[in-house]
Amino acid sequence: MTPYSGDSKPSDELDDRVAELLANEAYLGHPLREALAEMMERMGQQVSRLERITQISDRYQSGVQERVRNLSRRYDRQIRTLERAISISDRYQSMLNDLNKALREASTHDLLTSIPNRRLMSERCRIEDERLAREEGTYSLLTMDVDRFKLFNDVYGHDVGDQVLIELANSFTHSLREYDSCGRWGGEEFLALLVNADLATASDIADRMLANTRALRIRVGEDMLQATISIGVAERAPGEVYTDTYKRADAALLISKQTGRDRYIIADPPSS
């Protein structure tokens, strides 16, 4: 007989008592004996059903738990795969950013001197023109050219000529205020954009550039080379765009060259 737990007494003890009563011949013919035997039979059948249901439930629970464990293992594998994919994607994105940065740098900076190239300087001058179309202010342009630069290439070779340009570019950059720009305009010619600088300020900066260039020493083997530059200075006139101002500065640079070099010349104002 299957244990019956519906009473506070142990089921085995109750079963034994009932079995004893049903086996006792003294109760043969008793009107309740047959009903008790039938009840015990039905109860046994119910217990058997419960046991089968319990077994089915246990197998179901076991199956569910196994499926949950399988899903958990698959989820963990997918998470690890996703983490690896994210890590690869991050590295790829970082490489892509570095490449884009290098491409932007190459397209806007001079490969030899690492200062802004003509394209970037033109863009910055154009932005200044747009700013001055909206608000008051001014700017000045300095055009600088290395005096007798061809001699460096002819006497010492192009490598030394390149070294001279690099050293001069560094000197120009350090001669400017922090918000000014200096770029290589082409060959041995450079352009400086001096924001909100009138002719007095631009002249001070031109003087500083000349002095720093004269003080510069470029070592080539046992020799120490010196260079000088000529400068043209022009302040933007009302209504001008940077190309107009540049032409006047470049004309002043030519005069500087023609009148002895190693000096700056202030451009004439535009003719009315």
Protein backbone atom coordinates (compact mmCIF):
# COMPACT_ATOMS: atom_id res chain seq x y z
CA MET A 1 0.00 0.00 0.00
CA THR A 2 1.27 3.46 -0.92
CA PRO A 3 1.79 5.78 2.05
CA TYR A 4 -1.11 8.14 2.70
CA SER A 5 -0.20 11.51 4.18
CA GLY A 6 -3.67 13.05 4.65
CA ASP A 7 -3.62 12.36 8.42
CA SER A 8 -1.36 13.58 11.15
CA LYS A 9 -0.52 9.90 11.93
CA PRO A 10 2.09 8.09 9.86
CA SER A 11 0.40 6.63 6.78
CA ASP A 12 2.00 3.20 7.27
CA GLU A 13 0.47 2.92 10.74
CA LEU A 14 -3.00 3.83 9.48
CA ASP A 15 -2.70 1.40 6.62
CA ASP A 16 -1.71 -1.33 9.01
CA ARG A 17 -4.70 -0.66 11.25
CA VAL A 18 -7.11 -0.72 8.34
CA ALA A 19 -5.53 -3.92 7.02
CA GLU A 20 -5.89 -5.51 10.43
CA LEU A 21 -9.55 -4.50 10.63
CA LEU A 22 -10.29 -5.90 7.19
CA ALA A 23 -8.47 -9.13 8.01
CA ASN A 24 -10.23 -9.60 11.32
CA GLU A 25 -12.87 -12.29 10.89
CA ALA A 26 -14.80 -10.77 13.75
CA TYR A 27 -15.84 -8.02 11.36
CA LEU A 28 -16.96 -10.29 8.55
CA GLY A 29 -20.39 -9.25 7.49
CA HIS A 30 -20.02 -5.85 9.06
CA PRO A 31 -21.83 -3.30 6.79
CA LEU A 32 -18.85 -0.93 6.79
CA ARG A 33 -16.19 -3.55 5.99
CA GLU A 34 -17.02 -3.80 2.27
CA ALA A 35 -17.23 0.01 1.96
CA LEU A 36 -13.89 0.38 3.77
CA ALA A 37 -12.25 -2.18 1.52
CA GLU A 38 -13.58 -0.42 -1.58
CA MET A 39 -12.44 2.95 -0.26
CA MET A 40 -8.95 1.55 0.39
CA GLU A 41 -8.87 0.12 -3.12
CA ARG A 42 -9.86 3.47 -4.65
CA MET A 43 -7.38 5.30 -2.49
CA GLY A 44 -4.65 2.97 -3.69
CA GLN A 45 -5.62 3.68 -7.27
CA GLN A 46 -5.52 7.44 -6.59
CA VAL A 47 -2.11 7.13 -5.03
CA SER A 48 -0.89 5.21 -8.08
CA ARG A 49 -2.20 7.99 -10.37
CA LEU A 50 -0.51 10.60 -8.23
CA GLU A 51 2.75 8.70 -8.43
CA ARG A 52 2.53 8.54 -12.24
CA ILE A 53 1.65 12.24 -12.40
CA THR A 54 4.57 13.01 -10.10
CA GLN A 55 6.93 10.98 -12.27
CA ILE A 56 5.67 12.73 -15.40
CA SER A 57 6.05 16.09 -13.67
CA ASP A 58 9.56 15.22 -12.52
CA ARG A 59 10.56 14.23 -16.05
CA TYR A 60 8.98 17.41 -17.38
CA GLN A 61 10.78 19.53 -14.79
CA SER A 62 14.02 17.75 -15.54
CA GLY A 63 13.52 18.37 -19.26
CA VAL A 64 12.73 22.03 -18.68
CA GLN A 65 15.80 22.44 -16.51
CA GLU A 66 17.96 20.80 -19.16
CA ARG A 67 16.52 23.04 -21.85
CA VAL A 68 17.14 26.07 -19.63
CA ARG A 69 20.75 24.95 -19.12
CA ASN A 70 21.14 24.45 -22.88
CA LEU A 71 19.70 27.88 -23.56
CA SER A 72 21.97 29.39 -20.93
CA ARG A 73 25.04 27.75 -22.51
CA ARG A 74 23.97 28.96 -25.98
CA TYR A 75 23.35 32.44 -24.58
CA ASP A 76 26.81 32.50 -22.96
CA ARG A 77 28.43 31.38 -26.24
CA GLN A 78 26.55 34.07 -28.17
CA ILE A 79 27.54 36.71 -25.61
CA ARG A 80 31.22 35.71 -25.93
CA THR A 81 30.91 35.76 -29.71
CA LEU A 82 29.27 39.18 -29.55
CA GLU A 83 32.00 40.46 -27.21
CA ARG A 84 34.68 39.26 -29.62
CA ALA A 85 32.81 40.89 -32.52
CA ILE A 86 32.54 44.17 -30.58
CA SER A 87 36.25 44.03 -29.73
CA ILE A 88 37.13 43.46 -33.39
CA SER A 89 34.72 46.23 -34.42
CA ASP A 90 36.30 48.63 -31.89
CA ARG A 91 39.79 47.90 -33.20
CA TYR A 92 38.56 48.26 -36.78
CA GLN A 93 36.83 51.56 -35.91
CA SER A 94 39.98 52.81 -34.19
CA MET A 95 42.07 51.90 -37.25
CA LEU A 96 39.52 53.58 -39.50
CA ASN A 97 39.58 56.74 -37.37
CA ASP A 98 43.39 56.79 -37.47
CA LEU A 99 43.32 56.32 -41.24
CA ASN A 100 40.76 59.12 -41.69
CA LYS A 101 42.81 61.37 -39.45
CA ALA A 102 45.94 60.61 -41.47
CA LEU A 103 44.09 61.27 -44.73
CA ARG A 104 42.71 64.57 -43.42
CA GLU A 105 46.18 65.53 -42.22
CA ALA A 106 47.71 64.62 -45.57
CA SER A 107 45.09 66.61 -47.49
CA THR A 108 45.43 69.77 -45.38
CA HIS A 109 49.07 69.82 -44.30
CA ASP A 110 52.35 70.05 -46.13
CA LEU A 111 54.08 66.68 -46.14
CA LEU A 112 57.57 68.18 -45.76
CA THR A 113 57.06 70.80 -43.05
CA SER A 114 53.83 69.46 -41.42
CA ILE A 115 52.35 72.97 -41.34
CA PRO A 116 49.07 73.83 -43.14
CA ASN A 117 49.25 73.61 -46.92
CA ARG A 118 47.87 76.06 -49.46
CA ARG A 119 44.46 74.40 -49.46
CA LEU A 120 43.98 74.75 -45.71
CA MET A 121 45.33 78.31 -45.65
CA SER A 122 42.92 79.28 -48.43
CA GLU A 123 40.06 77.78 -46.47
CA ARG A 124 41.04 79.65 -43.30
CA CYS A 125 41.32 82.94 -45.23
CA ARG A 126 37.92 82.32 -46.79
CA ILE A 127 36.42 81.71 -43.34
CA GLU A 128 37.91 85.02 -42.17
CA ASP A 129 36.29 86.79 -45.14
CA GLU A 130 32.94 85.28 -44.18
CA ARG A 131 33.41 86.32 -40.55
CA LEU A 132 34.21 89.90 -41.51
CA ALA A 133 31.11 90.00 -43.70
CA ARG A 134 29.07 89.53 -40.51
CA GLU A 135 31.05 91.51 -37.96
CA GLU A 136 33.66 94.23 -37.66
CA GLY A 137 37.34 93.42 -37.60
CA THR A 138 40.28 92.93 -39.89
CA TYR A 139 43.17 90.66 -40.67
CA SER A 140 46.57 90.96 -42.27
CA LEU A 141 48.48 88.64 -44.54
CA LEU A 142 52.22 88.13 -44.60
CA THR A 143 53.82 86.57 -47.67
CA MET A 144 57.30 85.25 -46.90
CA ASP A 145 59.91 84.01 -49.33
CA VAL A 146 63.32 82.52 -48.53
CA ASP A 147 66.08 84.70 -49.94
CA ARG A 148 68.29 83.00 -52.50
CA PHE A 149 66.87 79.62 -51.63
CA LYS A 150 68.15 78.12 -54.87
CA LEU A 151 71.70 78.37 -53.53
CA PHE A 152 70.90 75.93 -50.70
CA ASN A 153 69.78 73.35 -53.23
CA ASP A 154 72.62 74.03 -55.67
CA VAL A 155 75.45 74.10 -53.11
CA TYR A 156 74.29 71.59 -50.49
CA GLY A 157 71.66 69.51 -52.28
CA HIS A 158 67.90 69.25 -52.06
CA ASP A 159 67.98 67.40 -48.75
CA VAL A 160 69.58 70.42 -47.12
CA GLY A 161 67.12 72.67 -48.93
CA ASP A 162 64.29 70.62 -47.41
CA GLN A 163 65.91 70.91 -43.97
CA VAL A 164 66.07 74.69 -44.36
CA LEU A 165 62.36 74.82 -45.18
CA ILE A 166 61.49 72.66 -42.16
CA GLU A 167 63.55 74.80 -39.78
CA LEU A 168 62.07 78.00 -41.17
CA ALA A 169 58.51 76.64 -40.92
CA ASN A 170 59.10 75.91 -37.23
CA SER A 171 60.56 79.37 -36.71
CA PHE A 172 57.61 81.05 -38.43
CA THR A 173 55.10 79.11 -36.38
CA HIS A 174 56.79 80.08 -33.10
CA SER A 175 56.92 83.72 -34.19
CA LEU A 176 53.12 83.96 -34.47
CA ARG A 177 50.45 84.53 -31.87
CA GLU A 178 48.59 81.40 -30.83
CA TYR A 179 45.51 82.19 -32.95
CA ASP A 180 47.43 83.05 -36.16
CA SER A 181 48.16 80.56 -38.93
CA CYS A 182 51.16 79.94 -41.11
CA GLY A 183 51.25 77.62 -44.08
CA ARG A 184 53.46 76.66 -46.98
CA TRP A 185 52.03 78.42 -50.01
CA GLY A 186 54.30 76.74 -52.52
CA GLY A 187 58.01 76.10 -53.07
CA GLU A 188 59.93 78.34 -50.67
CA GLU A 189 57.01 80.73 -50.21
CA PHE A 190 54.92 80.85 -47.03
CA LEU A 191 51.75 82.70 -46.04
CA ALA A 192 50.73 83.87 -42.56
CA LEU A 193 47.17 84.84 -41.63
CA LEU A 194 47.09 87.27 -38.71
CA VAL A 195 43.57 87.43 -37.25
CA ASN A 196 42.37 90.85 -36.09
CA ALA A 197 45.82 92.30 -36.80
CA ASP A 198 46.12 95.80 -38.22
CA LEU A 199 49.29 97.00 -39.96
CA ALA A 200 50.96 97.98 -36.69
CA THR A 201 50.47 94.51 -35.22
CA ALA A 202 51.41 92.84 -38.51
CA SER A 203 54.61 94.91 -38.67
CA ASP A 204 55.58 93.80 -35.16
CA ILE A 205 55.09 90.17 -36.13
CA ALA A 206 57.04 90.66 -39.37
CA ASP A 207 59.90 92.18 -37.37
CA ARG A 208 59.83 89.19 -35.02
CA MET A 209 59.92 86.78 -37.95
CA LEU A 210 62.90 88.53 -39.49
CA ALA A 211 64.78 88.56 -36.17
CA ASN A 212 64.06 84.89 -35.44
CA THR A 213 65.12 83.91 -38.94
CA ARG A 214 68.41 85.81 -38.63
CA ALA A 215 69.09 84.11 -35.31
CA LEU A 216 68.34 80.66 -36.71
CA ARG A 217 71.29 78.33 -37.23
CA ILE A 218 70.93 75.21 -39.34
CA ARG A 219 73.64 72.61 -38.84
CA VAL A 220 74.78 70.76 -41.94
CA GLY A 221 77.73 68.55 -41.11
CA GLU A 222 80.45 70.89 -39.84
CA ASP A 223 78.75 73.96 -41.29
CA MET A 224 76.19 76.23 -39.68
CA LEU A 225 73.87 77.74 -42.28
CA GLN A 226 71.90 80.94 -41.98
CA ALA A 227 68.93 82.11 -43.99
CA THR A 228 67.07 85.36 -44.45
CA ILE A 229 63.59 86.01 -45.71
CA SER A 230 61.69 88.78 -47.41
CA ILE A 231 58.16 89.67 -46.37
CA GLY A 232 55.23 91.46 -47.90
CA VAL A 233 52.60 92.83 -45.50
CA ALA A 234 49.01 93.77 -46.36
CA GLU A 235 45.99 94.49 -44.19
CA ARG A 236 42.59 93.57 -45.61
CA ALA A 237 40.83 96.64 -46.93
CA PRO A 238 37.03 96.99 -46.62
CA GLY A 239 35.30 95.04 -49.36
CA GLU A 240 38.34 92.92 -50.17
CA VAL A 241 38.47 89.15 -50.17
CA TYR A 242 41.64 87.35 -49.23
CA THR A 243 42.78 86.89 -52.84
CA ASP A 244 42.79 90.69 -53.25
CA THR A 245 44.75 91.19 -50.04
CA TYR A 246 47.16 88.42 -51.01
CA LYS A 247 47.92 90.07 -54.36
CA ARG A 248 48.87 93.31 -52.62
CA ALA A 249 51.03 91.46 -50.07
CA ASP A 250 52.72 89.50 -52.86
CA ALA A 251 53.43 92.72 -54.76
CA ALA A 252 54.99 94.14 -51.57
CA LEU A 253 57.08 90.95 -51.24
CA LEU A 254 58.44 91.50 -54.75
CA ILE A 255 59.46 95.02 -53.81
CA SER A 256 61.16 93.64 -50.69
CA LYS A 257 63.16 91.29 -52.90
CA GLN A 258 64.05 94.01 -55.34
CA THR A 259 65.18 96.46 -52.65
CA GLY A 260 67.70 94.30 -50.87
CA ARG A 261 65.87 91.35 -49.22
CA ASP A 262 65.88 90.50 -45.48
CA ARG A 263 63.16 93.06 -44.79
CA TYR A 264 59.44 93.58 -44.92
CA ILE A 265 57.51 96.00 -47.10
CA ILE A 266 53.99 97.18 -46.35
CA ALA A 267 51.67 97.00 -49.32
CA ASP A 268 50.00 100.08 -50.71
CA PRO A 269 46.28 100.33 -50.04
CA PRO A 270 44.06 99.23 -52.92
CA SER A 271 43.54 101.85 -55.58
CA SER A 272 40.04 103.27 -55.57
